[in-house]
Each structure stands twice: as structure tokens, then as C-alpha cells.
Amino acid sequence: MNENDKFIRSAISNFGIVQQQQYEKGVKKYGAPFNPDHFNQREVSAHAFEELADLLVYVSGMAEKLNKQEQKINKLETSLKLVRNEALREFPDRERINKLYRSALFLTDVHML
């Protein structure tokens, strides 16, 4: 099994868990599971549009948070480069400075996940 298979299996598993939680939430809220026969086509369509609108809000929020995180990481990487360049001018141990710099960049990559 490769990494993509693990991701897909995990996504399917998580979806199943969330789906079960939503089912239970709906039964608790409405007293019964969703039954399309209890609604006309317009009502089912309206519910779907409401859910889609909520999804758009959540995805937009995620995108905004990702953009802010990327901006912070870019600023951090720029600052690291400035500090590295200053250290290279001031201290003779270039190999150690470059090693520390690569370690710091690795940490920014880890936080990008």
C-alpha cells in the first residue's frame, strides 16, 4: 500500500465516521433520519442549496487561513535568509551556519503541513 492508498482509506474512514455522526445529529434534531419522501422536490433542493452555501463559507475560511499561514511562513523564511546572510558576514563557521539555516527551513516546511 502506498501513501496515496493510505490517504484514500483514511479519507473514506473519516467520511464514514462523520456521516454516522451527522445521521445521529439529524435523528436527534428531527426525530427521524432524512427521508426524501417527506419533502417535495423544492424543499430537498432548498436544503441542498443551504448546505452548499455553508460548504462554500467553510472552504473560503480554510483558504483564507491557508493564505495567512503561507504569508507568515514566507516572512519567516525571508527573515531566516537575512539572519543567515548577516551571520555569514560576521562569523567564520559557514558550514555550521548553513546547517542551522537548513534546519530552520525544514521547520518551516513542517509547519506548512
PDB file of N, CA and C in Angstrom:
ATOM      1  N   MET A   1       0.852  -1.175   0.000  1.00  0.00           N
ATOM      2  CA  MET A   1       0.000   0.000   0.000  1.00  0.00           C
ATOM      3  C   MET A   1       0.900   1.241   0.000  1.00  0.00           C
ATOM      4  N   ASN A   2       0.647   2.149  -0.932  1.00  0.00           N
ATOM      5  CA  ASN A   2       1.450   3.370  -0.976  1.00  0.00           C
ATOM      6  C   ASN A   2       0.774   4.484  -0.168  1.00  0.00           C
ATOM      7  N   GLU A   3       1.451   5.623  -0.083  1.00  0.00           N
ATOM      8  CA  GLU A   3       0.943   6.745   0.714  1.00  0.00           C
ATOM      9  C   GLU A   3      -0.425   7.221   0.236  1.00  0.00           C
ATOM     10  N   ASN A   4      -0.640   7.234  -1.082  1.00  0.00           N
ATOM     11  CA  ASN A   4      -1.923   7.685  -1.605  1.00  0.00           C
ATOM     12  C   ASN A   4      -3.039   6.737  -1.178  1.00  0.00           C
ATOM     13  N   ASP A   5      -2.757   5.428  -1.198  1.00  0.00           N
ATOM     14  CA  ASP A   5      -3.755   4.456  -0.743  1.00  0.00           C
ATOM     15  C   ASP A   5      -4.117   4.704   0.715  1.00  0.00           C
ATOM     16  N   LYS A   6      -3.100   4.962   1.550  1.00  0.00           N
ATOM     17  CA  LYS A   6      -3.350   5.240   2.964  1.00  0.00           C
ATOM     18  C   LYS A   6      -4.220   6.479   3.115  1.00  0.00           C
ATOM     19  N   PHE A   7      -3.918   7.506   2.328  1.00  0.00           N
ATOM     20  CA  PHE A   7      -4.702   8.742   2.393  1.00  0.00           C
ATOM     21  C   PHE A   7      -6.154   8.478   2.012  1.00  0.00           C
ATOM     22  N   ILE A   8      -6.358   7.752   0.905  1.00  0.00           N
ATOM     23  CA  ILE A   8      -7.719   7.470   0.437  1.00  0.00           C
ATOM     24  C   ILE A   8      -8.478   6.650   1.471  1.00  0.00           C
ATOM     25  N   ARG A   9      -7.836   5.624   2.005  1.00  0.00           N
ATOM     26  CA  ARG A   9      -8.504   4.790   3.021  1.00  0.00           C
ATOM     27  C   ARG A   9      -8.852   5.607   4.261  1.00  0.00           C
ATOM     28  N   SER A  10      -7.950   6.474   4.663  1.00  0.00           N
ATOM     29  CA  SER A  10      -8.207   7.328   5.817  1.00  0.00           C
ATOM     30  C   SER A  10      -9.359   8.291   5.535  1.00  0.00           C
ATOM     31  N   ALA A  11      -9.370   8.876   4.337  1.00  0.00           N
ATOM     32  CA  ALA A  11     -10.448   9.804   3.969  1.00  0.00           C
ATOM     33  C   ALA A  11     -11.795   9.091   3.967  1.00  0.00           C
ATOM     34  N   ILE A  12     -11.829   7.881   3.424  1.00  0.00           N
ATOM     35  CA  ILE A  12     -13.078   7.112   3.383  1.00  0.00           C
ATOM     36  C   ILE A  12     -13.526   6.771   4.799  1.00  0.00           C
ATOM     37  N   SER A  13     -12.585   6.365   5.635  1.00  0.00           N
ATOM     38  CA  SER A  13     -12.906   6.035   7.023  1.00  0.00           C
ATOM     39  C   SER A  13     -13.440   7.257   7.767  1.00  0.00           C
ATOM     40  N   ASN A  14     -12.744   8.385   7.614  1.00  0.00           N
ATOM     41  CA  ASN A  14     -13.189   9.618   8.273  1.00  0.00           C
ATOM     42  C   ASN A  14     -14.556  10.052   7.771  1.00  0.00           C
ATOM     43  N   PHE A  15     -14.787   9.907   6.466  1.00  0.00           N
ATOM     44  CA  PHE A  15     -16.087  10.260   5.911  1.00  0.00           C
ATOM     45  C   PHE A  15     -17.179   9.413   6.549  1.00  0.00           C
ATOM     46  N   GLY A  16     -16.911   8.124   6.700  1.00  0.00           N
ATOM     47  CA  GLY A  16     -17.893   7.231   7.320  1.00  0.00           C
ATOM     48  C   GLY A  16     -18.217   7.644   8.742  1.00  0.00           C
ATOM     49  N   ILE A  17     -17.187   8.031   9.487  1.00  0.00           N
ATOM     50  CA  ILE A  17     -17.393   8.464  10.872  1.00  0.00           C
ATOM     51  C   ILE A  17     -18.237   9.731  10.912  1.00  0.00           C
ATOM     52  N   VAL A  18     -17.881  10.705  10.090  1.00  0.00           N
ATOM     53  CA  VAL A  18     -18.629  11.973  10.062  1.00  0.00           C
ATOM     54  C   VAL A  18     -20.053  11.737   9.578  1.00  0.00           C
ATOM     55  N   GLN A  19     -20.209  10.880   8.585  1.00  0.00           N
ATOM     56  CA  GLN A  19     -21.545  10.576   8.067  1.00  0.00           C
ATOM     57  C   GLN A  19     -22.417   9.979   9.171  1.00  0.00           C
ATOM     58  N   GLN A  20     -21.869   9.066   9.960  1.00  0.00           N
ATOM     59  CA  GLN A  20     -22.624   8.464  11.060  1.00  0.00           C
ATOM     60  C   GLN A  20     -22.986   9.521  12.098  1.00  0.00           C
ATOM     61  N   GLN A  21     -22.042  10.407  12.412  1.00  0.00           N
ATOM     62  CA  GLN A  21     -22.316  11.474  13.376  1.00  0.00           C
ATOM     63  C   GLN A  21     -23.416  12.405  12.869  1.00  0.00           C
ATOM     64  N   GLN A  22     -23.375  12.731  11.588  1.00  0.00           N
ATOM     65  CA  GLN A  22     -24.401  13.600  11.007  1.00  0.00           C
ATOM     66  C   GLN A  22     -25.766  12.909  11.009  1.00  0.00           C
ATOM     67  N   TYR A  23     -25.763  11.616  10.726  1.00  0.00           N
ATOM     68  CA  TYR A  23     -27.004  10.839  10.764  1.00  0.00           C
ATOM     69  C   TYR A  23     -27.616  10.928  12.162  1.00  0.00           C
ATOM     70  N   GLU A  24     -26.791  10.669  13.181  1.00  0.00           N
ATOM     71  CA  GLU A  24     -27.284  10.701  14.565  1.00  0.00           C
ATOM     72  C   GLU A  24     -27.743  12.102  14.954  1.00  0.00           C
ATOM     73  N   LYS A  25     -27.021  13.109  14.514  1.00  0.00           N
ATOM     74  CA  LYS A  25     -27.392  14.500  14.785  1.00  0.00           C
ATOM     75  C   LYS A  25     -28.750  14.822  14.160  1.00  0.00           C
ATOM     76  N   GLY A  26     -28.945  14.377  12.911  1.00  0.00           N
ATOM     77  CA  GLY A  26     -30.218  14.615  12.229  1.00  0.00           C
ATOM     78  C   GLY A  26     -31.379  13.916  12.910  1.00  0.00           C
ATOM     79  N   VAL A  27     -31.163  12.677  13.330  1.00  0.00           N
ATOM     80  CA  VAL A  27     -32.223  11.929  14.027  1.00  0.00           C
ATOM     81  C   VAL A  27     -32.576  12.632  15.330  1.00  0.00           C
ATOM     82  N   LYS A  28     -31.552  13.088  16.053  1.00  0.00           N
ATOM     83  CA  LYS A  28     -31.798  13.787  17.317  1.00  0.00           C
ATOM     84  C   LYS A  28     -32.547  15.098  17.079  1.00  0.00           C
ATOM     85  N   LYS A  29     -32.152  15.828  16.045  1.00  0.00           N
ATOM     86  CA  LYS A  29     -32.755  17.136  15.770  1.00  0.00           C
ATOM     87  C   LYS A  29     -34.167  17.015  15.205  1.00  0.00           C
ATOM     88  N   TYR A  30     -34.362  16.067  14.263  1.00  0.00           N
ATOM     89  CA  TYR A  30     -35.640  15.977  13.556  1.00  0.00           C
ATOM     90  C   TYR A  30     -36.500  14.792  13.982  1.00  0.00           C
ATOM     91  N   GLY A  31     -35.979  13.933  14.846  1.00  0.00           N
ATOM     92  CA  GLY A  31     -36.760  12.805  15.334  1.00  0.00           C
ATOM     93  C   GLY A  31     -36.759  11.594  14.418  1.00  0.00           C
ATOM     94  N   ALA A  32     -36.160  11.703  13.253  1.00  0.00           N
ATOM     95  CA  ALA A  32     -36.101  10.591  12.292  1.00  0.00           C
ATOM     96  C   ALA A  32     -34.992  10.883  11.293  1.00  0.00           C
ATOM     97  N   PRO A  33     -34.453   9.838  10.663  1.00  0.00           N
ATOM     98  CA  PRO A  33     -33.443  10.085   9.626  1.00  0.00           C
ATOM     99  C   PRO A  33     -34.075  10.757   8.414  1.00  0.00           C
ATOM    100  N   PHE A  34     -33.235  11.359   7.599  1.00  0.00           N
ATOM    101  CA  PHE A  34     -33.714  12.023   6.386  1.00  0.00           C
ATOM    102  C   PHE A  34     -34.443  11.025   5.501  1.00  0.00           C
ATOM    103  N   ASN A  35     -35.606  11.444   5.041  1.00  0.00           N
ATOM    104  CA  ASN A  35     -36.386  10.630   4.114  1.00  0.00           C
ATOM    105  C   ASN A  35     -36.882  11.565   3.016  1.00  0.00           C
ATOM    106  N   PRO A  36     -36.400  11.393   1.780  1.00  0.00           N
ATOM    107  CA  PRO A  36     -36.799  12.312   0.715  1.00  0.00           C
ATOM    108  C   PRO A  36     -38.300  12.303   0.450  1.00  0.00           C
ATOM    109  N   ASP A  37     -38.981  11.240   0.852  1.00  0.00           N
ATOM    110  CA  ASP A  37     -40.433  11.190   0.645  1.00  0.00           C
ATOM    111  C   ASP A  37     -41.177  12.162   1.553  1.00  0.00           C
ATOM    112  N   HIS A  38     -40.507  12.664   2.580  1.00  0.00           N
ATOM    113  CA  HIS A  38     -41.146  13.612   3.492  1.00  0.00           C
ATOM    114  C   HIS A  38     -41.050  15.056   2.999  1.00  0.00           C
ATOM    115  N   PHE A  39     -40.395  15.256   1.866  1.00  0.00           N
ATOM    116  CA  PHE A  39     -40.203  16.594   1.325  1.00  0.00           C
ATOM    117  C   PHE A  39     -40.563  16.593  -0.153  1.00  0.00           C
ATOM    118  N   ASN A  40     -41.003  17.762  -0.627  1.00  0.00           N
ATOM    119  CA  ASN A  40     -41.182  17.861  -2.073  1.00  0.00           C
ATOM    120  C   ASN A  40     -39.832  18.224  -2.702  1.00  0.00           C
ATOM    121  N   GLN A  41     -39.791  18.240  -4.017  1.00  0.00           N
ATOM    122  CA  GLN A  41     -38.520  18.480  -4.710  1.00  0.00           C
ATOM    123  C   GLN A  41     -37.931  19.847  -4.385  1.00  0.00           C
ATOM    124  N   ARG A  42     -38.787  20.849  -4.271  1.00  0.00           N
ATOM    125  CA  ARG A  42     -38.283  22.189  -3.949  1.00  0.00           C
ATOM    126  C   ARG A  42     -37.641  22.219  -2.563  1.00  0.00           C
ATOM    127  N   GLU A  43     -38.246  21.543  -1.604  1.00  0.00           N
ATOM    128  CA  GLU A  43     -37.693  21.531  -0.251  1.00  0.00           C
ATOM    129  C   GLU A  43     -36.337  20.816  -0.207  1.00  0.00           C
ATOM    130  N   VAL A  44     -36.255  19.673  -0.885  1.00  0.00           N
ATOM    131  CA  VAL A  44     -34.980  18.942  -0.926  1.00  0.00           C
ATOM    132  C   VAL A  44     -33.925  19.800  -1.616  1.00  0.00           C
ATOM    133  N   SER A  45     -34.301  20.438  -2.702  1.00  0.00           N
ATOM    134  CA  SER A  45     -33.379  21.309  -3.428  1.00  0.00           C
ATOM    135  C   SER A  45     -32.939  22.481  -2.549  1.00  0.00           C
ATOM    136  N   ALA A  46     -33.874  23.079  -1.828  1.00  0.00           N
ATOM    137  CA  ALA A  46     -33.553  24.209  -0.947  1.00  0.00           C
ATOM    138  C   ALA A  46     -32.572  23.775   0.144  1.00  0.00           C
ATOM    139  N   HIS A  47     -32.807  22.606   0.738  1.00  0.00           N
ATOM    140  CA  HIS A  47     -31.885  22.096   1.762  1.00  0.00           C
ATOM    141  C   HIS A  47     -30.487  21.887   1.178  1.00  0.00           C
ATOM    142  N   ALA A  48     -30.432  21.332  -0.019  1.00  0.00           N
ATOM    143  CA  ALA A  48     -29.134  21.093  -0.664  1.00  0.00           C
ATOM    144  C   ALA A  48     -28.412  22.415  -0.919  1.00  0.00           C
ATOM    145  N   PHE A  49     -29.131  23.426  -1.398  1.00  0.00           N
ATOM    146  CA  PHE A  49     -28.510  24.734  -1.641  1.00  0.00           C
ATOM    147  C   PHE A  49     -28.009  25.357  -0.337  1.00  0.00           C
ATOM    148  N   GLU A  50     -28.770  25.202   0.749  1.00  0.00           N
ATOM    149  CA  GLU A  50     -28.335  25.726   2.044  1.00  0.00           C
ATOM    150  C   GLU A  50     -27.037  25.053   2.493  1.00  0.00           C
ATOM    151  N   GLU A  51     -26.978  23.736   2.339  1.00  0.00           N
ATOM    152  CA  GLU A  51     -25.763  23.001   2.717  1.00  0.00           C
ATOM    153  C   GLU A  51     -24.587  23.418   1.837  1.00  0.00           C
ATOM    154  N   LEU A  52     -24.840  23.614   0.557  1.00  0.00           N
ATOM    155  CA  LEU A  52     -23.791  24.038  -0.365  1.00  0.00           C
ATOM    156  C   LEU A  52     -23.276  25.428   0.000  1.00  0.00           C
ATOM    157  N   ALA A  53     -24.185  26.311   0.385  1.00  0.00           N
ATOM    158  CA  ALA A  53     -23.780  27.663   0.794  1.00  0.00           C
ATOM    159  C   ALA A  53     -22.898  27.591   2.040  1.00  0.00           C
ATOM    160  N   ASP A  54     -23.275  26.735   2.996  1.00  0.00           N
ATOM    161  CA  ASP A  54     -22.450  26.556   4.191  1.00  0.00           C
ATOM    162  C   ASP A  54     -21.069  26.025   3.815  1.00  0.00           C
ATOM    163  N   LEU A  55     -21.024  25.058   2.910  1.00  0.00           N
ATOM    164  CA  LEU A  55     -19.753  24.490   2.474  1.00  0.00           C
ATOM    165  C   LEU A  55     -18.859  25.567   1.870  1.00  0.00           C
ATOM    166  N   LEU A  56     -19.430  26.429   1.055  1.00  0.00           N
ATOM    167  CA  LEU A  56     -18.656  27.497   0.431  1.00  0.00           C
ATOM    168  C   LEU A  56     -18.047  28.419   1.486  1.00  0.00           C
ATOM    169  N   VAL A  57     -18.810  28.725   2.528  1.00  0.00           N
ATOM    170  CA  VAL A  57     -18.298  29.570   3.607  1.00  0.00           C
ATOM    171  C   VAL A  57     -17.120  28.879   4.297  1.00  0.00           C
ATOM    172  N   TYR A  58     -17.265  27.584   4.598  1.00  0.00           N
ATOM    173  CA  TYR A  58     -16.193  26.853   5.285  1.00  0.00           C
ATOM    174  C   TYR A  58     -14.941  26.744   4.417  1.00  0.00           C
ATOM    175  N   VAL A  59     -15.108  26.435   3.147  1.00  0.00           N
ATOM    176  CA  VAL A  59     -13.957  26.309   2.247  1.00  0.00           C
ATOM    177  C   VAL A  59     -13.272  27.667   2.073  1.00  0.00           C
ATOM    178  N   SER A  60     -14.047  28.730   1.978  1.00  0.00           N
ATOM    179  CA  SER A  60     -13.466  30.072   1.876  1.00  0.00           C
ATOM    180  C   SER A  60     -12.673  30.410   3.135  1.00  0.00           C
ATOM    181  N   GLY A  61     -13.203  30.034   4.289  1.00  0.00           N
ATOM    182  CA  GLY A  61     -12.490  30.256   5.547  1.00  0.00           C
ATOM    183  C   GLY A  61     -11.183  29.487   5.595  1.00  0.00           C
ATOM    184  N   MET A  62     -11.205  28.243   5.130  1.00  0.00           N
ATOM    185  CA  MET A  62      -9.979  27.440   5.081  1.00  0.00           C
ATOM    186  C   MET A  62      -8.953  28.083   4.166  1.00  0.00           C
ATOM    187  N   ALA A  63      -9.398  28.547   3.002  1.00  0.00           N
ATOM    188  CA  ALA A  63      -8.483  29.174   2.042  1.00  0.00           C
ATOM    189  C   ALA A  63      -7.858  30.430   2.644  1.00  0.00           C
ATOM    190  N   GLU A  64      -8.654  31.217   3.353  1.00  0.00           N
ATOM    191  CA  GLU A  64      -8.131  32.437   3.976  1.00  0.00           C
ATOM    192  C   GLU A  64      -7.087  32.097   5.036  1.00  0.00           C
ATOM    193  N   LYS A  65      -7.372  31.094   5.862  1.00  0.00           N
ATOM    194  CA  LYS A  65      -6.413  30.685   6.885  1.00  0.00           C
ATOM    195  C   LYS A  65      -5.120  30.166   6.256  1.00  0.00           C
ATOM    196  N   LEU A  66      -5.234  29.400   5.176  1.00  0.00           N
ATOM    197  CA  LEU A  66      -4.044  28.897   4.484  1.00  0.00           C
ATOM    198  C   LEU A  66      -3.214  30.042   3.910  1.00  0.00           C
ATOM    199  N   ASN A  67      -3.885  31.022   3.316  1.00  0.00           N
ATOM    200  CA  ASN A  67      -3.167  32.176   2.763  1.00  0.00           C
ATOM    201  C   ASN A  67      -2.412  32.930   3.852  1.00  0.00           C
ATOM    202  N   LYS A  68      -3.060  33.137   4.998  1.00  0.00           N
ATOM    203  CA  LYS A  68      -2.398  33.835   6.103  1.00  0.00           C
ATOM    204  C   LYS A  68      -1.204  33.033   6.616  1.00  0.00           C
ATOM    205  N   GLN A  69      -1.369  31.718   6.700  1.00  0.00           N
ATOM    206  CA  GLN A  69      -0.277  30.868   7.161  1.00  0.00           C
ATOM    207  C   GLN A  69       0.895  30.919   6.176  1.00  0.00           C
ATOM    208  N   GLU A  70       0.601  30.869   4.894  1.00  0.00           N
ATOM    209  CA  GLU A  70       1.663  30.950   3.886  1.00  0.00           C
ATOM    210  C   GLU A  70       2.389  32.291   3.954  1.00  0.00           C
ATOM    211  N   GLN A  71       1.650  33.376   4.176  1.00  0.00           N
ATOM    212  CA  GLN A  71       2.279  34.690   4.291  1.00  0.00           C
ATOM    213  C   GLN A  71       3.227  34.740   5.493  1.00  0.00           C
ATOM    214  N   LYS A  72       2.791  34.176   6.620  1.00  0.00           N
ATOM    215  CA  LYS A  72       3.652  34.148   7.804  1.00  0.00           C
ATOM    216  C   LYS A  72       4.907  33.326   7.540  1.00  0.00           C
ATOM    217  N   ILE A  73       4.749  32.192   6.891  1.00  0.00           N
ATOM    218  CA  ILE A  73       5.897  31.330   6.598  1.00  0.00           C
ATOM    219  C   ILE A  73       6.849  32.024   5.634  1.00  0.00           C
ATOM    220  N   ASN A  74       6.308  32.708   4.631  1.00  0.00           N
ATOM    221  CA  ASN A  74       7.168  33.444   3.694  1.00  0.00           C
ATOM    222  C   ASN A  74       7.963  34.534   4.412  1.00  0.00           C
ATOM    223  N   LYS A  75       7.316  35.241   5.341  1.00  0.00           N
ATOM    224  CA  LYS A  75       8.022  36.266   6.112  1.00  0.00           C
ATOM    225  C   LYS A  75       9.108  35.631   6.972  1.00  0.00           C
ATOM    226  N   LEU A  76       8.791  34.496   7.572  1.00  0.00           N
ATOM    227  CA  LEU A  76       9.773  33.798   8.398  1.00  0.00           C
ATOM    228  C   LEU A  76      10.966  33.344   7.563  1.00  0.00           C
ATOM    229  N   GLU A  77      10.698  32.793   6.388  1.00  0.00           N
ATOM    230  CA  GLU A  77      11.790  32.361   5.511  1.00  0.00           C
ATOM    231  C   GLU A  77      12.654  33.541   5.074  1.00  0.00           C
ATOM    232  N   THR A  78      12.026  34.669   4.783  1.00  0.00           N
ATOM    233  CA  THR A  78      12.779  35.870   4.411  1.00  0.00           C
ATOM    234  C   THR A  78      13.654  36.327   5.577  1.00  0.00           C
ATOM    235  N   SER A  79      13.091  36.318   6.779  1.00  0.00           N
ATOM    236  CA  SER A  79      13.862  36.704   7.968  1.00  0.00           C
ATOM    237  C   SER A  79      15.025  35.751   8.197  1.00  0.00           C
ATOM    238  N   LEU A  80      14.785  34.461   8.002  1.00  0.00           N
ATOM    239  CA  LEU A  80      15.860  33.475   8.160  1.00  0.00           C
ATOM    240  C   LEU A  80      17.001  33.735   7.183  1.00  0.00           C
ATOM    241  N   LYS A  81      16.652  34.077   5.956  1.00  0.00           N
ATOM    242  CA  LYS A  81      17.686  34.371   4.956  1.00  0.00           C
ATOM    243  C   LYS A  81      18.504  35.593   5.366  1.00  0.00           C
ATOM    244  N   LEU A  82      17.821  36.613   5.878  1.00  0.00           N
ATOM    245  CA  LEU A  82      18.528  37.818   6.314  1.00  0.00           C
ATOM    246  C   LEU A  82      19.472  37.511   7.474  1.00  0.00           C
ATOM    247  N   VAL A  83      18.983  36.733   8.442  1.00  0.00           N
ATOM    248  CA  VAL A  83      19.813  36.365   9.590  1.00  0.00           C
ATOM    249  C   VAL A  83      20.996  35.520   9.132  1.00  0.00           C
ATOM    250  N   ARG A  84      20.742  34.584   8.231  1.00  0.00           N
ATOM    251  CA  ARG A  84      21.816  33.730   7.699  1.00  0.00           C
ATOM    252  C   ARG A  84      22.885  34.578   7.013  1.00  0.00           C
ATOM    253  N   ASN A  85      22.443  35.471   6.156  1.00  0.00           N
ATOM    254  CA  ASN A  85      23.400  36.314   5.425  1.00  0.00           C
ATOM    255  C   ASN A  85      24.224  37.177   6.379  1.00  0.00           C
ATOM    256  N   GLU A  86      23.574  37.705   7.413  1.00  0.00           N
ATOM    257  CA  GLU A  86      24.290  38.511   8.407  1.00  0.00           C
ATOM    258  C   GLU A  86      25.290  37.638   9.174  1.00  0.00           C
ATOM    259  N   ALA A  87      24.852  36.438   9.545  1.00  0.00           N
ATOM    260  CA  ALA A  87      25.746  35.521  10.269  1.00  0.00           C
ATOM    261  C   ALA A  87      26.938  35.122   9.410  1.00  0.00           C
ATOM    262  N   LEU A  88      26.702  34.906   8.124  1.00  0.00           N
ATOM    263  CA  LEU A  88      27.798  34.536   7.226  1.00  0.00           C
ATOM    264  C   LEU A  88      28.829  35.655   7.113  1.00  0.00           C
ATOM    265  N   ARG A  89      28.367  36.896   7.204  1.00  0.00           N
ATOM    266  CA  ARG A  89      29.293  38.035   7.149  1.00  0.00           C
ATOM    267  C   ARG A  89      30.095  38.175   8.452  1.00  0.00           C
ATOM    268  N   GLU A  90      29.474  37.820   9.574  1.00  0.00           N
ATOM    269  CA  GLU A  90      30.076  38.076  10.883  1.00  0.00           C
ATOM    270  C   GLU A  90      30.890  36.915  11.453  1.00  0.00           C
ATOM    271  N   PHE A  91      30.536  35.678  11.101  1.00  0.00           N
ATOM    272  CA  PHE A  91      31.161  34.519  11.748  1.00  0.00           C
ATOM    273  C   PHE A  91      31.839  33.623  10.717  1.00  0.00           C
ATOM    274  N   PRO A  92      32.954  33.028  11.099  1.00  0.00           N
ATOM    275  CA  PRO A  92      33.726  32.238  10.138  1.00  0.00           C
ATOM    276  C   PRO A  92      33.180  30.834   9.865  1.00  0.00           C
ATOM    277  N   ASP A  93      32.372  30.268  10.745  1.00  0.00           N
ATOM    278  CA  ASP A  93      31.933  28.878  10.595  1.00  0.00           C
ATOM    279  C   ASP A  93      30.742  28.786   9.635  1.00  0.00           C
ATOM    280  N   ARG A  94      31.013  28.933   8.359  1.00  0.00           N
ATOM    281  CA  ARG A  94      29.967  28.955   7.325  1.00  0.00           C
ATOM    282  C   ARG A  94      29.193  27.639   7.275  1.00  0.00           C
ATOM    283  N   GLU A  95      29.898  26.520   7.447  1.00  0.00           N
ATOM    284  CA  GLU A  95      29.238  25.213   7.365  1.00  0.00           C
ATOM    285  C   GLU A  95      28.183  25.074   8.463  1.00  0.00           C
ATOM    286  N   ARG A  96      28.527  25.473   9.680  1.00  0.00           N
ATOM    287  CA  ARG A  96      27.568  25.381  10.789  1.00  0.00           C
ATOM    288  C   ARG A  96      26.389  26.333  10.566  1.00  0.00           C
ATOM    289  N   ILE A  97      26.653  27.509  10.099  1.00  0.00           N
ATOM    290  CA  ILE A  97      25.580  28.478   9.836  1.00  0.00           C
ATOM    291  C   ILE A  97      24.628  27.934   8.776  1.00  0.00           C
ATOM    292  N   ASN A  98      25.177  27.381   7.702  1.00  0.00           N
ATOM    293  CA  ASN A  98      24.324  26.822   6.647  1.00  0.00           C
ATOM    294  C   ASN A  98      23.526  25.623   7.148  1.00  0.00           C
ATOM    295  N   LYS A  99      24.128  24.819   8.023  1.00  0.00           N
ATOM    296  CA  LYS A  99      23.416  23.670   8.594  1.00  0.00           C
ATOM    297  C   LYS A  99      22.243  24.151   9.456  1.00  0.00           C
ATOM    298  N   LEU A 100      22.481  25.144  10.285  1.00  0.00           N
ATOM    299  CA  LEU A 100      21.406  25.710  11.111  1.00  0.00           C
ATOM    300  C   LEU A 100      20.304  26.314  10.241  1.00  0.00           C
ATOM    301  N   TYR A 101      20.715  26.967   9.188  1.00  0.00           N
ATOM    302  CA  TYR A 101      19.753  27.575   8.263  1.00  0.00           C
ATOM    303  C   TYR A 101      18.874  26.497   7.628  1.00  0.00           C
ATOM    304  N   ARG A 102      19.483  25.410   7.154  1.00  0.00           N
ATOM    305  CA  ARG A 102      18.701  24.321   6.544  1.00  0.00           C
ATOM    306  C   ARG A 102      17.751  23.694   7.559  1.00  0.00           C
ATOM    307  N   SER A 103      18.196  23.563   8.800  1.00  0.00           N
ATOM    308  CA  SER A 103      17.329  23.026   9.858  1.00  0.00           C
ATOM    309  C   SER A 103      16.133  23.936  10.093  1.00  0.00           C
ATOM    310  N   ALA A 104      16.377  25.233  10.113  1.00  0.00           N
ATOM    311  CA  ALA A 104      15.285  26.188  10.317  1.00  0.00           C
ATOM    312  C   ALA A 104      14.307  26.154   9.153  1.00  0.00           C
ATOM    313  N   LEU A 105      14.816  26.034   7.931  1.00  0.00           N
ATOM    314  CA  LEU A 105      13.926  25.934   6.772  1.00  0.00           C
ATOM    315  C   LEU A 105      13.095  24.663   6.836  1.00  0.00           C
ATOM    316  N   PHE A 106      13.703  23.572   7.298  1.00  0.00           N
ATOM    317  CA  PHE A 106      12.965  22.323   7.461  1.00  0.00           C
ATOM    318  C   PHE A 106      11.796  22.528   8.415  1.00  0.00           C
ATOM    319  N   LEU A 107      12.025  23.249   9.495  1.00  0.00           N
ATOM    320  CA  LEU A 107      10.946  23.502  10.449  1.00  0.00           C
ATOM    321  C   LEU A 107       9.816  24.301   9.816  1.00  0.00           C
ATOM    322  N   THR A 108      10.131  25.248   8.951  1.00  0.00           N
ATOM    323  CA  THR A 108       9.054  25.999   8.294  1.00  0.00           C
ATOM    324  C   THR A 108       8.270  25.081   7.372  1.00  0.00           C
ATOM    325  N   ASP A 109       8.948  24.132   6.711  1.00  0.00           N
ATOM    326  CA  ASP A 109       8.240  23.173   5.853  1.00  0.00           C
ATOM    327  C   ASP A 109       7.318  22.288   6.675  1.00  0.00           C
ATOM    328  N   VAL A 110       7.778  21.860   7.848  1.00  0.00           N
ATOM    329  CA  VAL A 110       6.954  21.016   8.717  1.00  0.00           C
ATOM    330  C   VAL A 110       5.708  21.776   9.147  1.00  0.00           C
ATOM    331  N   HIS A 111       5.859  23.052   9.486  1.00  0.00           N
ATOM    332  CA  HIS A 111       4.708  23.839   9.922  1.00  0.00           C
ATOM    333  C   HIS A 111       3.770  24.182   8.772  1.00  0.00           C
ATOM    334  N   MET A 112       4.241  24.047   7.564  1.00  0.00           N
ATOM    335  CA  MET A 112       3.403  24.331   6.396  1.00  0.00           C
ATOM    336  C   MET A 112       2.347  23.244   6.219  1.00  0.00           C
ATOM    337  N   LEU A 113       2.587  22.074   6.774  1.00  0.00           N
ATOM    338  CA  LEU A 113       1.658  20.949   6.607  1.00  0.00           C
ATOM    339  C   LEU A 113       0.344  21.197   7.280  1.00  0.00           C
TER     340      LEU A 113
END
